[in-house]
C-alpha atoms as a PDB file:
ATOM      1  CA  MET A   1      87.307 176.871  -3.185  1.00  0.00           C
ATOM      2  CA  PRO A   2      87.231 173.037  -3.715  1.00  0.00           C
ATOM      3  CA  VAL A   3      89.646 171.511  -6.515  1.00  0.00           C
ATOM      4  CA  GLN A   4      86.976 169.092  -7.602  1.00  0.00           C
ATOM      5  CA  TYR A   5      84.522 172.659  -9.039  1.00  0.00           C
ATOM      6  CA  SER A   6      87.482 174.570 -10.365  1.00  0.00           C
ATOM      7  CA  ARG A   7      89.630 171.857 -12.158  1.00  0.00           C
ATOM      8  CA  TYR A   8      86.508 171.681 -14.941  1.00  0.00           C
ATOM      9  CA  LEU A   9      86.070 175.387 -15.356  1.00  0.00           C
ATOM     10  CA  SER A  10      88.490 175.918 -18.374  1.00  0.00           C
ATOM     11  CA  GLN A  11      87.038 172.707 -20.178  1.00  0.00           C
ATOM     12  CA  THR A  12      83.830 173.880 -19.161  1.00  0.00           C
ATOM     13  CA  ARG A  13      84.100 176.819 -21.188  1.00  0.00           C
ATOM     14  CA  GLU A  14      85.783 175.754 -23.889  1.00  0.00           C
ATOM     15  CA  LEU A  15      82.575 173.394 -24.749  1.00  0.00           C
ATOM     16  CA  ALA A  16      80.265 176.023 -24.282  1.00  0.00           C
ATOM     17  CA  ALA A  17      82.146 177.865 -26.872  1.00  0.00           C
ATOM     18  CA  GLN A  18      81.980 174.877 -29.207  1.00  0.00           C
ATOM     19  CA  ALA A  19      78.218 174.672 -28.933  1.00  0.00           C
ATOM     20  CA  ALA A  20      78.225 178.658 -29.403  1.00  0.00           C
ATOM     21  CA  ASP A  21      80.109 177.761 -32.944  1.00  0.00           C
ATOM     22  CA  ARG A  22      77.530 175.131 -34.020  1.00  0.00           C
ATOM     23  CA  ILE A  23      74.314 177.620 -32.884  1.00  0.00           C
ATOM     24  CA  LEU A  24      76.351 180.507 -34.855  1.00  0.00           C
ATOM     25  CA  ASP A  25      76.667 177.483 -38.120  1.00  0.00           C
ATOM     26  CA  ILE A  26      72.572 177.256 -37.698  1.00  0.00           C
ATOM     27  CA  TYR A  27      71.617 181.104 -37.224  1.00  0.00           C
ATOM     28  CA  GLN A  28      73.278 182.130 -39.813  1.00  0.00           C
ATOM     29  CA  ARG A  29      72.463 179.322 -42.456  1.00  0.00           C
ATOM     30  CA  GLY A  30      68.796 179.028 -41.803  1.00  0.00           C
ATOM     31  CA  PHE A  31      66.745 176.525 -39.450  1.00  0.00           C
ATOM     32  CA  GLU A  32      63.325 175.452 -39.279  1.00  0.00           C
ATOM     33  CA  VAL A  33      61.361 175.609 -36.301  1.00  0.00           C
ATOM     34  CA  ASP A  34      59.551 172.476 -34.493  1.00  0.00           C
ATOM     35  CA  THR A  35      57.571 172.563 -31.029  1.00  0.00           C
ATOM     36  CA  LYS A  36      57.984 170.673 -28.147  1.00  0.00           C
ATOM     37  CA  SER A  37      55.524 169.093 -26.405  1.00  0.00           C
ATOM     38  CA  ASP A  38      55.201 171.461 -23.871  1.00  0.00           C
ATOM     39  CA  GLY A  39      54.336 173.937 -26.855  1.00  0.00           C
ATOM     40  CA  SER A  40      58.225 175.480 -26.722  1.00  0.00           C
ATOM     41  CA  PRO A  41      60.100 176.019 -29.625  1.00  0.00           C
ATOM     42  CA  LEU A  42      62.978 173.658 -30.781  1.00  0.00           C
ATOM     43  CA  THR A  43      65.329 174.009 -33.687  1.00  0.00           C
ATOM     44  CA  ASP A  44      68.596 171.779 -35.167  1.00  0.00           C
ATOM     45  CA  ALA A  45      70.357 174.702 -33.034  1.00  0.00           C
ATOM     46  CA  ASP A  46      68.816 173.578 -29.821  1.00  0.00           C
ATOM     47  CA  ARG A  47      70.392 169.749 -30.609  1.00  0.00           C
ATOM     48  CA  ALA A  48      73.295 170.454 -31.947  1.00  0.00           C
ATOM     49  CA  ALA A  49      74.766 172.594 -29.286  1.00  0.00           C
ATOM     50  CA  HIS A  50      73.186 169.773 -26.723  1.00  0.00           C
ATOM     51  CA  LYS A  51      75.180 167.240 -28.862  1.00  0.00           C
ATOM     52  CA  VAL A  52      78.536 168.505 -28.201  1.00  0.00           C
ATOM     53  CA  ILE A  53      78.259 169.639 -24.577  1.00  0.00           C
ATOM     54  CA  ILE A  54      76.837 166.399 -23.695  1.00  0.00           C
ATOM     55  CA  ALA A  55      79.512 164.669 -25.131  1.00  0.00           C
ATOM     56  CA  GLY A  56      82.425 166.776 -23.783  1.00  0.00           C
ATOM     57  CA  LEU A  57      80.790 166.401 -20.561  1.00  0.00           C
ATOM     58  CA  ALA A  58      80.744 163.282 -20.290  1.00  0.00           C
ATOM     59  CA  LYS A  59      84.756 163.230 -21.473  1.00  0.00           C
ATOM     60  CA  LEU A  60      85.521 165.554 -18.734  1.00  0.00           C
ATOM     61  CA  SER A  61      83.552 163.628 -16.047  1.00  0.00           C
ATOM     62  CA  PRO A  62      82.137 160.320 -16.741  1.00  0.00           C
ATOM     63  CA  ASP A  63      80.953 159.965 -13.012  1.00  0.00           C
ATOM     64  CA  ILE A  64      78.715 162.978 -13.045  1.00  0.00           C
ATOM     65  CA  PRO A  65      75.169 162.218 -14.147  1.00  0.00           C
ATOM     66  CA  ILE A  66      74.393 165.503 -16.904  1.00  0.00           C
ATOM     67  CA  LEU A  67      70.739 166.864 -17.145  1.00  0.00           C
ATOM     68  CA  SER A  68      69.964 168.775 -20.356  1.00  0.00           C
ATOM     69  CA  GLU A  69      66.586 170.631 -21.210  1.00  0.00           C
ATOM     70  CA  GLU A  70      66.898 168.519 -24.513  1.00  0.00           C
ATOM     71  CA  SER A  71      67.892 165.032 -22.091  1.00  0.00           C
ATOM     72  CA  ASP A  72      64.906 161.863 -23.001  1.00  0.00           C
ATOM     73  CA  ASN A  73      62.140 162.003 -20.579  1.00  0.00           C
ATOM     74  CA  HIS A  74      63.841 159.340 -18.726  1.00  0.00           C
ATOM     75  CA  VAL A  75      66.883 161.483 -16.882  1.00  0.00           C
ATOM     76  CA  LEU A  76      64.029 163.497 -15.769  1.00  0.00           C
ATOM     77  CA  ASP A  77      62.463 160.298 -13.819  1.00  0.00           C
ATOM     78  CA  VAL A  78      65.928 159.189 -12.667  1.00  0.00           C
ATOM     79  CA  ARG A  79      67.353 162.914 -11.314  1.00  0.00           C
ATOM     80  CA  LEU A  80      66.366 163.000  -7.822  1.00  0.00           C
ATOM     81  CA  LYS A  81      69.093 160.674  -6.939  1.00  0.00           C
ATOM     82  CA  TRP A  82      71.452 162.339  -7.999  1.00  0.00           C
ATOM     83  CA  LYS A  83      73.387 164.958  -4.801  1.00  0.00           C
ATOM     84  CA  LYS A  84      75.821 165.965  -7.822  1.00  0.00           C
ATOM     85  CA  PHE A  85      75.085 166.220 -11.723  1.00  0.00           C
ATOM     86  CA  TRP A  86      75.496 168.603 -14.780  1.00  0.00           C
ATOM     87  CA  LEU A  87      72.790 170.834 -15.742  1.00  0.00           C
ATOM     88  CA  VAL A  88      72.579 172.550 -19.159  1.00  0.00           C
ATOM     89  CA  ASP A  89      70.525 174.468 -21.595  1.00  0.00           C
ATOM     90  CA  PRO A  90      71.951 174.329 -24.609  1.00  0.00           C
ATOM     91  CA  LEU A  91      70.249 177.174 -26.380  1.00  0.00           C
ATOM     92  CA  ASP A  92      68.747 179.448 -23.413  1.00  0.00           C
ATOM     93  CA  GLY A  93      66.658 182.015 -25.737  1.00  0.00           C
ATOM     94  CA  THR A  94      65.376 179.890 -28.275  1.00  0.00           C
ATOM     95  CA  ARG A  95      62.476 182.286 -28.819  1.00  0.00           C
ATOM     96  CA  GLU A  96      64.695 184.964 -29.579  1.00  0.00           C
ATOM     97  CA  PHE A  97      66.921 182.882 -31.553  1.00  0.00           C
ATOM     98  CA  ILE A  98      64.083 182.132 -33.955  1.00  0.00           C
ATOM     99  CA  LYS A  99      63.624 186.307 -33.991  1.00  0.00           C
ATOM    100  CA  ARG A 100      67.207 186.810 -34.727  1.00  0.00           C
ATOM    101  CA  ASN A 101      67.589 189.443 -32.000  1.00  0.00           C
ATOM    102  CA  ASP A 102      70.909 187.926 -30.996  1.00  0.00           C
ATOM    103  CA  GLU A 103      69.940 187.470 -27.113  1.00  0.00           C
ATOM    104  CA  PHE A 104      70.468 183.772 -26.146  1.00  0.00           C
ATOM    105  CA  THR A 105      73.304 181.878 -24.351  1.00  0.00           C
ATOM    106  CA  VAL A 106      74.673 178.604 -23.453  1.00  0.00           C
ATOM    107  CA  ASN A 107      74.147 177.676 -19.904  1.00  0.00           C
ATOM    108  CA  ILE A 108      76.306 175.376 -18.085  1.00  0.00           C
ATOM    109  CA  ALA A 109      76.029 174.612 -14.606  1.00  0.00           C
ATOM    110  CA  LEU A 110      77.182 171.926 -11.532  1.00  0.00           C
ATOM    111  CA  ILE A 111      75.186 171.470  -9.619  1.00  0.00           C
ATOM    112  CA  ASP A 112      76.155 170.187  -5.972  1.00  0.00           C
ATOM    113  CA  ASN A 113      73.831 169.104  -2.943  1.00  0.00           C
ATOM    114  CA  HIS A 114      70.886 171.171  -4.637  1.00  0.00           C
ATOM    115  CA  ARG A 115      73.176 174.773  -5.584  1.00  0.00           C
ATOM    116  CA  PRO A 116      74.957 175.689  -8.837  1.00  0.00           C
ATOM    117  CA  VAL A 117      78.741 175.767  -7.731  1.00  0.00           C
ATOM    118  CA  LEU A 118      79.856 176.064 -11.425  1.00  0.00           C
ATOM    119  CA  GLY A 119      78.360 178.550 -13.694  1.00  0.00           C
ATOM    120  CA  VAL A 120      79.483 179.394 -17.601  1.00  0.00           C
ATOM    121  CA  VAL A 121      77.037 181.778 -19.394  1.00  0.00           C
ATOM    122  CA  HIS A 122      78.387 181.988 -23.215  1.00  0.00           C
ATOM    123  CA  ILE A 123      76.503 184.573 -25.827  1.00  0.00           C
ATOM    124  CA  PRO A 124      77.323 183.184 -29.229  1.00  0.00           C
ATOM    125  CA  VAL A 125      76.977 186.305 -31.391  1.00  0.00           C
ATOM    126  CA  SER A 126      79.354 188.808 -29.273  1.00  0.00           C
ATOM    127  CA  GLY A 127      81.291 185.787 -27.801  1.00  0.00           C
ATOM    128  CA  VAL A 128      80.968 187.618 -24.708  1.00  0.00           C
ATOM    129  CA  SER A 129      81.313 184.785 -21.655  1.00  0.00           C
ATOM    130  CA  TYR A 130      80.617 184.870 -17.874  1.00  0.00           C
ATOM    131  CA  PHE A 131      81.643 182.888 -15.611  1.00  0.00           C
ATOM    132  CA  ALA A 132      82.223 181.395 -11.583  1.00  0.00           C
ATOM    133  CA  CYS A 133      83.344 178.854  -9.541  1.00  0.00           C
ATOM    134  CA  ASP A 134      81.345 178.794  -5.543  1.00  0.00           C
ATOM    135  CA  GLY A 135      84.220 180.915  -3.724  1.00  0.00           C
ATOM    136  CA  ASP A 136      86.391 182.153  -6.291  1.00  0.00           C
ATOM    137  CA  GLY A 137      84.598 185.420  -7.413  1.00  0.00           C
ATOM    138  CA  ALA A 138      82.571 185.860 -10.684  1.00  0.00           C
ATOM    139  CA  PHE A 139      84.132 187.234 -14.178  1.00  0.00           C
ATOM    140  CA  ARG A 140      83.430 188.624 -17.573  1.00  0.00           C
ATOM    141  CA  CYS A 141      85.696 187.630 -20.547  1.00  0.00           C
ATOM    142  CA  ASP A 142      85.287 189.071 -23.880  1.00  0.00           C
ATOM    143  CA  PRO A 143      86.417 187.761 -27.332  1.00  0.00           C
ATOM    144  CA  GLY A 144      90.854 188.489 -27.736  1.00  0.00           C
ATOM    145  CA  GLY A 145      90.363 189.768 -23.903  1.00  0.00           C
ATOM    146  CA  ASP A 146      91.430 188.701 -20.607  1.00  0.00           C
ATOM    147  CA  SER A 147      88.800 188.118 -17.973  1.00  0.00           C
ATOM    148  CA  GLN A 148      87.660 190.172 -15.665  1.00  0.00           C
ATOM    149  CA  ALA A 149      86.463 190.239 -12.355  1.00  0.00           C
ATOM    150  CA  ILE A 150      82.641 191.459 -12.298  1.00  0.00           C
ATOM    151  CA  HIS A 151      80.556 192.814  -8.930  1.00  0.00           C
ATOM    152  CA  VAL A 152      77.097 193.647  -8.279  1.00  0.00           C
ATOM    153  CA  ARG A 153      76.536 197.439  -7.292  1.00  0.00           C
ATOM    154  CA  MET A 154      74.812 198.430  -4.467  1.00  0.00           C
ATOM    155  CA  TYR A 155      71.144 199.730  -4.178  1.00  0.00           C
ATOM    156  CA  ARG A 156      69.804 201.688  -1.340  1.00  0.00           C
ATOM    157  CA  GLY A 157      66.002 202.522  -2.146  1.00  0.00           C
ATOM    158  CA  GLY A 158      64.964 204.981  -4.581  1.00  0.00           C
ATOM    159  CA  ALA A 159      65.522 205.265  -8.556  1.00  0.00           C
ATOM    160  CA  ALA A 160      66.473 201.354  -9.812  1.00  0.00           C
ATOM    161  CA  THR A 161      67.361 199.574 -13.044  1.00  0.00           C
ATOM    162  CA  ILE A 162      65.404 196.580 -13.582  1.00  0.00           C
ATOM    163  CA  ALA A 163      65.900 194.095 -15.844  1.00  0.00           C
ATOM    164  CA  THR A 164      62.759 192.708 -17.724  1.00  0.00           C
ATOM    165  CA  SER A 165      62.216 189.540 -19.950  1.00  0.00           C
ATOM    166  CA  ARG A 166      61.880 190.709 -23.676  1.00  0.00           C
ATOM    167  CA  SER A 167      59.441 188.320 -24.215  1.00  0.00           C
ATOM    168  CA  HIS A 168      57.591 186.985 -21.031  1.00  0.00           C
ATOM    169  CA  PRO A 169      56.671 190.283 -19.264  1.00  0.00           C
ATOM    170  CA  GLY A 170      53.156 189.564 -18.817  1.00  0.00           C
ATOM    171  CA  ASN A 171      50.701 191.961 -16.203  1.00  0.00           C
ATOM    172  CA  ASP A 172      52.158 190.057 -13.139  1.00  0.00           C
ATOM    173  CA  LEU A 173      55.211 192.606 -13.797  1.00  0.00           C
ATOM    174  CA  ALA A 174      53.413 195.188 -14.652  1.00  0.00           C
ATOM    175  CA  ASP A 175      51.358 195.692 -11.105  1.00  0.00           C
ATOM    176  CA  TYR A 176      55.269 195.084  -9.898  1.00  0.00           C
ATOM    177  CA  LEU A 177      56.554 197.709 -11.191  1.00  0.00           C
ATOM    178  CA  ALA A 178      53.994 199.501 -10.136  1.00  0.00           C
ATOM    179  CA  ARG A 179      53.874 199.145  -7.103  1.00  0.00           C
ATOM    180  CA  PHE A 180      57.992 199.494  -7.167  1.00  0.00           C
ATOM    181  CA  GLU A 181      57.330 203.508  -8.512  1.00  0.00           C
ATOM    182  CA  GLN A 182      54.545 203.945  -6.107  1.00  0.00           C
ATOM    183  CA  ARG A 183      56.875 203.775  -3.475  1.00  0.00           C
ATOM    184  CA  GLN A 184      60.772 204.044  -4.563  1.00  0.00           C
ATOM    185  CA  GLY A 185      60.134 206.537  -7.352  1.00  0.00           C
ATOM    186  CA  SER A 186      61.317 206.320 -10.888  1.00  0.00           C
ATOM    187  CA  PHE A 187      62.635 203.528 -12.324  1.00  0.00           C
ATOM    188  CA  GLN A 188      64.550 202.631 -15.642  1.00  0.00           C
ATOM    189  CA  THR A 189      63.875 199.062 -17.752  1.00  0.00           C
ATOM    190  CA  LEU A 190      66.026 197.247 -20.229  1.00  0.00           C
ATOM    191  CA  ALA A 191      64.004 194.328 -22.249  1.00  0.00           C
ATOM    192  CA  MET A 192      66.242 191.618 -22.803  1.00  0.00           C
ATOM    193  CA  GLY A 193      66.406 187.734 -23.538  1.00  0.00           C
ATOM    194  CA  SER A 194      67.937 184.677 -21.969  1.00  0.00           C
ATOM    195  CA  SER A 195      70.224 184.243 -18.990  1.00  0.00           C
ATOM    196  CA  ILE A 196      71.809 187.446 -19.728  1.00  0.00           C
ATOM    197  CA  LYS A 197      69.551 189.415 -17.738  1.00  0.00           C
ATOM    198  CA  LEU A 198      71.058 187.511 -14.351  1.00  0.00           C
ATOM    199  CA  CYS A 199      74.519 188.328 -15.797  1.00  0.00           C
ATOM    200  CA  LEU A 200      73.893 191.676 -16.300  1.00  0.00           C
ATOM    201  CA  VAL A 201      72.609 192.100 -12.387  1.00  0.00           C
ATOM    202  CA  ALA A 202      76.914 190.527 -11.368  1.00  0.00           C
ATOM    203  CA  GLU A 203      78.241 193.017 -13.362  1.00  0.00           C
ATOM    204  CA  GLY A 204      76.504 195.830 -12.287  1.00  0.00           C
ATOM    205  CA  ARG A 205      74.661 197.610 -14.748  1.00  0.00           C
ATOM    206  CA  VAL A 206      71.686 196.273 -13.349  1.00  0.00           C
ATOM    207  CA  ASP A 207      69.983 196.870  -9.527  1.00  0.00           C
ATOM    208  CA  ILE A 208      67.305 193.705  -9.961  1.00  0.00           C
ATOM    209  CA  TYR A 209      65.616 191.288 -12.443  1.00  0.00           C
ATOM    210  CA  PRO A 210      62.377 190.024 -10.718  1.00  0.00           C
ATOM    211  CA  ARG A 211      60.653 187.077 -12.522  1.00  0.00           C
ATOM    212  CA  LEU A 212      57.499 186.673 -11.957  1.00  0.00           C
ATOM    213  CA  GLY A 213      56.595 183.834 -14.386  1.00  0.00           C
ATOM    214  CA  PRO A 214      57.688 180.206 -15.377  1.00  0.00           C
ATOM    215  CA  THR A 215      61.317 179.429 -15.623  1.00  0.00           C
ATOM    216  CA  SER A 216      62.721 175.995 -15.935  1.00  0.00           C
ATOM    217  CA  GLU A 217      66.171 174.760 -13.382  1.00  0.00           C
ATOM    218  CA  TRP A 218      67.704 175.177 -16.587  1.00  0.00           C
ATOM    219  CA  ASP A 219      67.385 178.181 -17.374  1.00  0.00           C
ATOM    220  CA  THR A 220      68.743 180.097 -14.296  1.00  0.00           C
ATOM    221  CA  ALA A 221      71.440 177.620 -12.507  1.00  0.00           C
ATOM    222  CA  ALA A 222      74.585 179.071 -14.617  1.00  0.00           C
ATOM    223  CA  ALA A 223      73.607 182.523 -14.232  1.00  0.00           C
ATOM    224  CA  GLN A 224      72.570 182.154 -10.714  1.00  0.00           C
ATOM    225  CA  CYS A 225      76.219 180.461  -9.771  1.00  0.00           C
ATOM    226  CA  VAL A 226      77.686 184.137 -11.628  1.00  0.00           C
ATOM    227  CA  LEU A 227      75.712 186.255  -9.692  1.00  0.00           C
ATOM    228  CA  GLU A 228      76.146 184.714  -6.479  1.00  0.00           C
ATOM    229  CA  ALA A 229      79.960 184.912  -6.958  1.00  0.00           C
ATOM    230  CA  ALA A 230      79.644 188.340  -8.165  1.00  0.00           C
ATOM    231  CA  GLY A 231      78.247 189.232  -4.436  1.00  0.00           C
ATOM    232  CA  GLY A 232      74.318 189.157  -5.726  1.00  0.00           C
ATOM    233  CA  ARG A 233      71.340 186.929  -4.932  1.00  0.00           C
ATOM    234  CA  VAL A 234      68.587 185.145  -6.683  1.00  0.00           C
ATOM    235  CA  VAL A 235      65.723 184.165  -4.352  1.00  0.00           C
ATOM    236  CA  ASP A 236      61.952 183.292  -4.482  1.00  0.00           C
ATOM    237  CA  SER A 237      59.027 184.989  -2.814  1.00  0.00           C
ATOM    238  CA  LYS A 238      59.913 183.974   0.892  1.00  0.00           C
ATOM    239  CA  ASN A 239      63.447 185.509   0.020  1.00  0.00           C
ATOM    240  CA  SER A 240      64.657 181.946   0.127  1.00  0.00           C
ATOM    241  CA  PRO A 241      67.880 181.070  -2.503  1.00  0.00           C
ATOM    242  CA  LEU A 242      66.714 179.094  -5.518  1.00  0.00           C
ATOM    243  CA  SER A 243      67.954 175.608  -4.911  1.00  0.00           C
ATOM    244  CA  TYR A 244      68.187 172.877  -7.475  1.00  0.00           C
ATOM    245  CA  ASN A 245      66.990 169.213  -8.411  1.00  0.00           C
ATOM    246  CA  LYS A 246      63.485 169.829  -6.722  1.00  0.00           C
ATOM    247  CA  PRO A 247      60.636 167.230  -7.354  1.00  0.00           C
ATOM    248  CA  SER A 248      59.330 169.868 -10.259  1.00  0.00           C
ATOM    249  CA  ILE A 249      61.711 170.880 -12.781  1.00  0.00           C
ATOM    250  CA  LEU A 250      60.072 174.316 -12.926  1.00  0.00           C
ATOM    251  CA  ASN A 251      61.027 177.411 -10.657  1.00  0.00           C
ATOM    252  CA  PRO A 252      59.109 179.683  -8.528  1.00  0.00           C
ATOM    253  CA  TRP A 253      58.678 183.189  -9.172  1.00  0.00           C
ATOM    254  CA  PHE A 254      62.537 184.739  -8.189  1.00  0.00           C
ATOM    255  CA  PHE A 255      63.997 187.978  -7.520  1.00  0.00           C
ATOM    256  CA  ALA A 256      68.322 188.073  -8.899  1.00  0.00           C
ATOM    257  CA  SER A 257      69.224 191.659  -7.047  1.00  0.00           C
ATOM    258  CA  GLY A 258      72.904 192.691  -6.539  1.00  0.00           C
ATOM    259  CA  GLY A 259      74.024 194.510  -3.241  1.00  0.00           C
ATOM    260  CA  GLY A 260      72.504 195.691  -0.146  1.00  0.00           C
ATOM    261  CA  GLN A 261      69.491 194.483   1.874  1.00  0.00           C
ATOM    262  CA  HIS A 262      66.524 195.694   0.103  1.00  0.00           C
ATOM    263  CA  ASP A 263      63.615 193.760   0.440  1.00  0.00           C
ATOM    264  CA  TRP A 264      62.374 192.929  -3.608  1.00  0.00           C
ATOM    265  CA  THR A 265      59.222 190.926  -2.688  1.00  0.00           C
ATOM    266  CA  ALA A 266      57.767 193.868  -0.599  1.00  0.00           C
ATOM    267  CA  TYR A 267      56.539 195.262  -4.211  1.00  0.00           C
ATOM    268  CA  LEU A 268      54.207 191.082  -4.716  1.00  0.00           C
ATOM    269  CA  ALA A 269      50.429 191.677  -4.418  1.00  0.00           C
ATOM    270  CA  GLU A 270      49.117 189.694  -1.609  1.00  0.00           C
ATOM    271  CA  THR A 271      48.150 187.209  -4.235  1.00  0.00           C
ATOM    272  CA  GLY A 272      51.853 186.644  -5.484  1.00  0.00           C
ATOM    273  CA  GLN A 273      53.989 183.421  -5.307  1.00  0.00           C
END
């Protein structure tokens, strides 16, 4: 594992925990909700976590640029020149935060040559964190406990456990699940918010998370690093790994899956992405 990745991991985990503390302060005392230009919600917690992470990363690695969901628009205009950069979602799952269902995370990833090579996903309410560095495995750490290596489980056909988005299910997913049931039989779903879904695949609790709807690069990068380090995959409808720092910050539809060679794209309609 390249040293330039691993040396950032402990400090990045600490920054995620600090941001989580700020989020919880606001979560517990109450907050107002604003609306961004794209129609998505924004709270004081998003802003506070952003400030903590940006300041910490700038001190940790002054030579590496930073792109956060809450960055100024001019950062989006210059980012395509970057080979290596931090990609941050200070509060992934703002809708879950507003609903107070506890299913939101802090996501911090390091991107190098269009790939996530370091990822930290921290769940503020539970204190659970998932983290990985390229080539060094994936781990889960519970509050007060030691870090435990995590691994995906194998899928060889038949019944499956499928993660779904709590706030963004959609008709395309319903059609996908119907085709899966016709060919593979029974399945159970687990609805969850934010990037926790990919982490559930990484630790072997879920076989697949099909996301047939819009997401942005900061939503997936950190958890993709964790899942890939745990032995899984995150691919688009053509079975190509998700890549980062594209001209559009939006991801295509994707499939986050565990072990095995199963083609999860086979249940897409012909008109799917």
